[in-house]
C-alpha atoms as a PDB file:
ATOM      1  CA  MET A   1     -15.555   0.871  36.120  1.00  0.00           C
ATOM      2  CA  THR A   2     -14.557  -2.777  37.039  1.00  0.00           C
ATOM      3  CA  ARG A   3     -12.071  -4.864  35.154  1.00  0.00           C
ATOM      4  CA  GLU A   4     -14.807  -6.747  33.254  1.00  0.00           C
ATOM      5  CA  GLU A   5     -16.427  -3.422  32.108  1.00  0.00           C
ATOM      6  CA  LYS A   6     -13.030  -2.306  30.929  1.00  0.00           C
ATOM      7  CA  GLN A   7     -12.323  -5.401  29.059  1.00  0.00           C
ATOM      8  CA  VAL A   8     -15.624  -5.341  27.311  1.00  0.00           C
ATOM      9  CA  VAL A   9     -14.726  -1.471  26.414  1.00  0.00           C
ATOM     10  CA  ILE A  10     -11.385  -2.556  25.055  1.00  0.00           C
ATOM     11  CA  ASN A  11     -12.693  -5.551  22.949  1.00  0.00           C
ATOM     12  CA  ASP A  12     -15.201  -3.097  21.555  1.00  0.00           C
ATOM     13  CA  LEU A  13     -12.799  -0.731  20.525  1.00  0.00           C
ATOM     14  CA  THR A  14     -10.493  -3.238  19.313  1.00  0.00           C
ATOM     15  CA  ALA A  15     -13.320  -4.693  16.944  1.00  0.00           C
ATOM     16  CA  LYS A  16     -13.834  -1.060  15.781  1.00  0.00           C
ATOM     17  CA  LEU A  17     -10.330  -0.324  14.867  1.00  0.00           C
ATOM     18  CA  THR A  18      -9.940  -3.629  13.151  1.00  0.00           C
ATOM     19  CA  GLU A  19     -12.975  -3.026  10.873  1.00  0.00           C
ATOM     20  CA  SER A  20     -12.018   0.699  10.109  1.00  0.00           C
ATOM     21  CA  SER A  21      -9.247   1.634   7.880  1.00  0.00           C
ATOM     22  CA  ILE A  22      -9.673   5.356   8.702  1.00  0.00           C
ATOM     23  CA  VAL A  23      -9.346   6.615  12.336  1.00  0.00           C
ATOM     24  CA  TYR A  24      -8.909  10.142  13.388  1.00  0.00           C
ATOM     25  CA  LEU A  25      -7.972  11.118  16.969  1.00  0.00           C
ATOM     26  CA  THR A  26      -9.337  14.457  17.914  1.00  0.00           C
ATOM     27  CA  ASP A  27      -9.510  16.799  21.178  1.00  0.00           C
ATOM     28  CA  ILE A  28     -13.095  18.178  21.491  1.00  0.00           C
ATOM     29  CA  SER A  29     -12.937  19.183  25.188  1.00  0.00           C
ATOM     30  CA  GLY A  30     -14.073  22.595  25.665  1.00  0.00           C
ATOM     31  CA  LEU A  31     -17.048  22.478  23.213  1.00  0.00           C
ATOM     32  CA  ASP A  32     -20.397  23.371  24.850  1.00  0.00           C
ATOM     33  CA  ALA A  33     -23.249  21.404  24.563  1.00  0.00           C
ATOM     34  CA  GLN A  34     -24.806  22.843  21.586  1.00  0.00           C
ATOM     35  CA  SER A  35     -21.476  22.766  19.632  1.00  0.00           C
ATOM     36  CA  THR A  36     -20.918  18.967  20.658  1.00  0.00           C
ATOM     37  CA  SER A  37     -24.548  18.260  19.363  1.00  0.00           C
ATOM     38  CA  ASP A  38     -23.648  20.055  16.232  1.00  0.00           C
ATOM     39  CA  LEU A  39     -20.566  18.102  15.563  1.00  0.00           C
ATOM     40  CA  ARG A  40     -22.412  14.772  16.231  1.00  0.00           C
ATOM     41  CA  ARG A  41     -25.081  15.862  13.703  1.00  0.00           C
ATOM     42  CA  GLU A  42     -22.439  16.550  11.054  1.00  0.00           C
ATOM     43  CA  CYS A  43     -20.645  13.460  11.711  1.00  0.00           C
ATOM     44  CA  PHE A  44     -23.883  11.558  11.411  1.00  0.00           C
ATOM     45  CA  LYS A  45     -24.698  13.160   7.952  1.00  0.00           C
ATOM     46  CA  ALA A  46     -21.134  12.141   6.812  1.00  0.00           C
ATOM     47  CA  ASN A  47     -21.557   8.498   8.054  1.00  0.00           C
ATOM     48  CA  VAL A  48     -18.724   9.165  10.525  1.00  0.00           C
ATOM     49  CA  LYS A  49     -18.857   7.659  14.012  1.00  0.00           C
ATOM     50  CA  LEU A  50     -17.795   9.877  16.890  1.00  0.00           C
ATOM     51  CA  GLU A  51     -16.976   8.460  20.260  1.00  0.00           C
ATOM     52  CA  VAL A  52     -15.272   9.949  23.292  1.00  0.00           C
ATOM     53  CA  VAL A  53     -13.024   7.417  24.546  1.00  0.00           C
ATOM     54  CA  LYS A  54     -10.371   6.865  27.538  1.00  0.00           C
ATOM     55  CA  ASN A  55      -6.847   7.017  26.496  1.00  0.00           C
ATOM     56  CA  THR A  56      -5.709   4.009  28.226  1.00  0.00           C
ATOM     57  CA  LEU A  57      -8.156   1.862  26.873  1.00  0.00           C
ATOM     58  CA  LEU A  58      -7.924   3.214  23.484  1.00  0.00           C
ATOM     59  CA  SER A  59      -4.160   2.518  23.795  1.00  0.00           C
ATOM     60  CA  ILE A  60      -4.488  -0.887  24.865  1.00  0.00           C
ATOM     61  CA  ALA A  61      -7.119  -1.566  21.928  1.00  0.00           C
ATOM     62  CA  MET A  62      -4.540  -0.287  19.587  1.00  0.00           C
ATOM     63  CA  ALA A  63      -1.939  -2.637  20.809  1.00  0.00           C
ATOM     64  CA  ASN A  64      -4.409  -5.379  20.482  1.00  0.00           C
ATOM     65  CA  SER A  65      -5.515  -4.527  16.964  1.00  0.00           C
ATOM     66  CA  ASP A  66      -3.806  -6.317  14.028  1.00  0.00           C
ATOM     67  CA  LYS A  67      -3.030  -2.836  12.488  1.00  0.00           C
ATOM     68  CA  ASP A  68       0.227  -0.825  12.933  1.00  0.00           C
ATOM     69  CA  PHE A  69      -0.476   2.451  14.386  1.00  0.00           C
ATOM     70  CA  GLU A  70       3.124   3.546  14.618  1.00  0.00           C
ATOM     71  CA  GLU A  71       3.369   6.603  17.230  1.00  0.00           C
ATOM     72  CA  LEU A  72      -0.230   7.324  17.018  1.00  0.00           C
ATOM     73  CA  PRO A  73      -0.622   6.157  20.633  1.00  0.00           C
ATOM     74  CA  SER A  74       1.913   8.727  21.657  1.00  0.00           C
ATOM     75  CA  VAL A  75      -0.752  11.596  20.996  1.00  0.00           C
ATOM     76  CA  LEU A  76      -3.281  10.325  23.426  1.00  0.00           C
ATOM     77  CA  LYS A  77      -2.909  12.814  26.193  1.00  0.00           C
ATOM     78  CA  GLY A  78      -5.751  14.971  27.481  1.00  0.00           C
ATOM     79  CA  SER A  79      -9.255  14.474  26.307  1.00  0.00           C
ATOM     80  CA  SER A  80      -9.737  12.150  23.224  1.00  0.00           C
ATOM     81  CA  ALA A  81     -12.382  11.312  20.652  1.00  0.00           C
ATOM     82  CA  ILE A  82     -12.050   8.953  17.895  1.00  0.00           C
ATOM     83  CA  MET A  83     -13.648   9.451  14.578  1.00  0.00           C
ATOM     84  CA  LEU A  84     -14.218   6.346  12.388  1.00  0.00           C
ATOM     85  CA  SER A  85     -15.145   6.611   8.677  1.00  0.00           C
ATOM     86  CA  GLU A  86     -15.238   4.785   5.465  1.00  0.00           C
ATOM     87  CA  VAL A  87     -14.060   7.758   3.504  1.00  0.00           C
ATOM     88  CA  GLY A  88     -10.566   9.044   4.040  1.00  0.00           C
ATOM     89  CA  ASN A  89     -11.209  12.685   4.056  1.00  0.00           C
ATOM     90  CA  ALA A  90     -14.631  13.008   5.471  1.00  0.00           C
ATOM     91  CA  PRO A  91     -13.620  13.330   9.099  1.00  0.00           C
ATOM     92  CA  ALA A  92     -10.872  16.066   7.953  1.00  0.00           C
ATOM     93  CA  LYS A  93     -13.815  18.009   6.056  1.00  0.00           C
ATOM     94  CA  ILE A  94     -15.870  18.161   9.080  1.00  0.00           C
ATOM     95  CA  ILE A  95     -13.136  19.184  11.383  1.00  0.00           C
ATOM     96  CA  LYS A  96     -12.242  21.795   8.945  1.00  0.00           C
ATOM     97  CA  LYS A  97     -15.767  23.030   8.331  1.00  0.00           C
ATOM     98  CA  PHE A  98     -16.326  23.011  12.235  1.00  0.00           C
ATOM     99  CA  ARG A  99     -13.050  25.132  12.905  1.00  0.00           C
ATOM    100  CA  LYS A 100     -14.472  28.039  10.902  1.00  0.00           C
ATOM    101  CA  THR A 101     -16.671  28.721  13.929  1.00  0.00           C
ATOM    102  CA  SER A 102     -14.729  27.238  16.733  1.00  0.00           C
ATOM    103  CA  GLU A 103     -11.097  26.473  17.622  1.00  0.00           C
ATOM    104  CA  LYS A 104     -12.037  22.987  18.315  1.00  0.00           C
ATOM    105  CA  PRO A 105     -11.867  19.973  17.509  1.00  0.00           C
ATOM    106  CA  VAL A 106      -8.138  19.804  17.382  1.00  0.00           C
ATOM    107  CA  LEU A 107      -6.677  16.939  15.134  1.00  0.00           C
ATOM    108  CA  LYS A 108      -4.196  14.852  17.158  1.00  0.00           C
ATOM    109  CA  GLY A 109      -3.537  12.239  14.722  1.00  0.00           C
ATOM    110  CA  ALA A 110      -4.960   9.935  12.049  1.00  0.00           C
ATOM    111  CA  TYR A 111      -4.486   6.650  10.359  1.00  0.00           C
ATOM    112  CA  VAL A 112      -5.568   6.448   6.955  1.00  0.00           C
ATOM    113  CA  GLU A 113      -5.297   3.273   4.820  1.00  0.00           C
ATOM    114  CA  ALA A 114      -2.115   2.298   6.796  1.00  0.00           C
ATOM    115  CA  ALA A 115      -0.582   5.813   6.511  1.00  0.00           C
ATOM    116  CA  VAL A 116      -0.083   7.742   9.964  1.00  0.00           C
ATOM    117  CA  TYR A 117      -0.392  11.473  10.292  1.00  0.00           C
ATOM    118  CA  ILE A 118       0.559  13.287  13.466  1.00  0.00           C
ATOM    119  CA  GLY A 119      -0.431  16.748  14.679  1.00  0.00           C
ATOM    120  CA  ASP A 120      -3.072  19.376  13.729  1.00  0.00           C
ATOM    121  CA  ASP A 121      -0.789  20.586  10.830  1.00  0.00           C
ATOM    122  CA  GLN A 122      -1.601  17.726   8.835  1.00  0.00           C
ATOM    123  CA  LEU A 123      -5.450  18.705   8.583  1.00  0.00           C
ATOM    124  CA  ASP A 124      -4.971  20.413   5.031  1.00  0.00           C
ATOM    125  CA  SER A 125      -3.429  17.286   3.568  1.00  0.00           C
ATOM    126  CA  LEU A 126      -6.016  14.961   5.020  1.00  0.00           C
ATOM    127  CA  VAL A 127      -8.534  17.117   3.503  1.00  0.00           C
ATOM    128  CA  SER A 128      -7.230  16.888   0.060  1.00  0.00           C
ATOM    129  CA  ILE A 129      -7.065  13.016   0.136  1.00  0.00           C
ATOM    130  CA  LYS A 130      -9.278  11.760  -2.578  1.00  0.00           C
ATOM    131  CA  SER A 131     -11.822   9.140  -1.646  1.00  0.00           C
ATOM    132  CA  LYS A 132     -11.950   5.837  -3.457  1.00  0.00           C
ATOM    133  CA  GLU A 133     -15.105   6.952  -5.600  1.00  0.00           C
ATOM    134  CA  GLU A 134     -13.209  10.285  -6.555  1.00  0.00           C
ATOM    135  CA  VAL A 135     -10.001   8.270  -7.578  1.00  0.00           C
ATOM    136  CA  ILE A 136     -12.285   5.844  -9.638  1.00  0.00           C
ATOM    137  CA  GLY A 137     -14.146   8.846 -11.224  1.00  0.00           C
ATOM    138  CA  ASP A 138     -10.728  10.431 -12.181  1.00  0.00           C
ATOM    139  CA  ILE A 139      -9.439   7.090 -13.843  1.00  0.00           C
ATOM    140  CA  ILE A 140     -12.751   6.755 -15.715  1.00  0.00           C
ATOM    141  CA  GLY A 141     -12.586  10.293 -16.819  1.00  0.00           C
ATOM    142  CA  LEU A 142      -8.958   9.714 -18.182  1.00  0.00           C
ATOM    143  CA  LEU A 143     -10.035   6.604 -19.937  1.00  0.00           C
ATOM    144  CA  GLN A 144     -12.917   8.098 -21.597  1.00  0.00           C
ATOM    145  CA  SER A 145     -10.833  11.245 -22.833  1.00  0.00           C
ATOM    146  CA  PRO A 146      -9.304   9.627 -25.946  1.00  0.00           C
ATOM    147  CA  ILE A 147     -12.533   8.032 -26.932  1.00  0.00           C
ATOM    148  CA  LYS A 148     -14.389  11.448 -26.879  1.00  0.00           C
ATOM    149  CA  ASN A 149     -11.554  12.985 -28.847  1.00  0.00           C
ATOM    150  CA  VAL A 150     -11.979  10.217 -31.553  1.00  0.00           C
ATOM    151  CA  VAL A 151     -15.762  10.460 -31.614  1.00  0.00           C
ATOM    152  CA  SER A 152     -15.692  14.234 -31.736  1.00  0.00           C
ATOM    153  CA  GLY A 153     -13.087  14.159 -34.545  1.00  0.00           C
ATOM    154  CA  LEU A 154     -15.114  11.654 -36.660  1.00  0.00           C
ATOM    155  CA  GLN A 155     -18.289  13.836 -35.927  1.00  0.00           C
ATOM    156  CA  SER A 156     -16.557  16.984 -37.055  1.00  0.00           C
ATOM    157  CA  GLY A 157     -14.979  15.297 -40.036  1.00  0.00           C
ATOM    158  CA  GLY A 158     -18.229  14.173 -41.311  1.00  0.00           C
ATOM    159  CA  ALA A 159     -19.482  17.804 -41.088  1.00  0.00           C
ATOM    160  CA  LYS A 160     -16.624  19.039 -43.064  1.00  0.00           C
ATOM    161  CA  LEU A 161     -17.038  16.383 -45.736  1.00  0.00           C
ATOM    162  CA  SER A 162     -20.838  16.935 -46.256  1.00  0.00           C
ATOM    163  CA  GLY A 163     -20.042  20.566 -46.464  1.00  0.00           C
ATOM    164  CA  ILE A 164     -17.540  19.978 -49.002  1.00  0.00           C
ATOM    165  CA  LEU A 165     -19.937  17.869 -51.048  1.00  0.00           C
ATOM    166  CA  LYS A 166     -22.724  20.495 -50.750  1.00  0.00           C
ATOM    167  CA  THR A 167     -20.411  23.194 -52.039  1.00  0.00           C
ATOM    168  CA  LEU A 168     -19.293  21.114 -54.963  1.00  0.00           C
ATOM    169  CA  SER A 169     -22.860  20.027 -55.824  1.00  0.00           C
ATOM    170  CA  GLU A 170     -24.147  23.562 -55.958  1.00  0.00           C
ATOM    171  CA  LYS A 171     -21.245  24.530 -58.530  1.00  0.00           C
END
């Protein structure tokens, strides 16, 4: 690869890192062709971009990016693949699902909304991260809860009142 080609790749990676607020680093080495194809298919379904990258080029792109990846470049050893997503827990769910049948991919680290996670032991905490839509749904549910209680109280109170009036009118 010439210097110009490397610079093009670095610029492309830097742009992708700048645009995305969710970046997962994984090790998918050792997967056979069928498993790799299945993983790519799962990523495509979940709107996650999977790309195998060279560690040195990714490290330079991280340094060029406007984000603070803290010690995330330190996990760039061996074979690396980058997973970019718009939903914080989507790549973690794909990895966890895939790990039921295979020991790869292995999570090296993740950058999720300015928080850095290092190591495969962080996978469970990354799966439990709620997406923006899930948090908004929870908030709306909490806001609707008191209104539902008032409405149901008024409705049940009206039924009691009409029952009392009916009983009194029958006497």
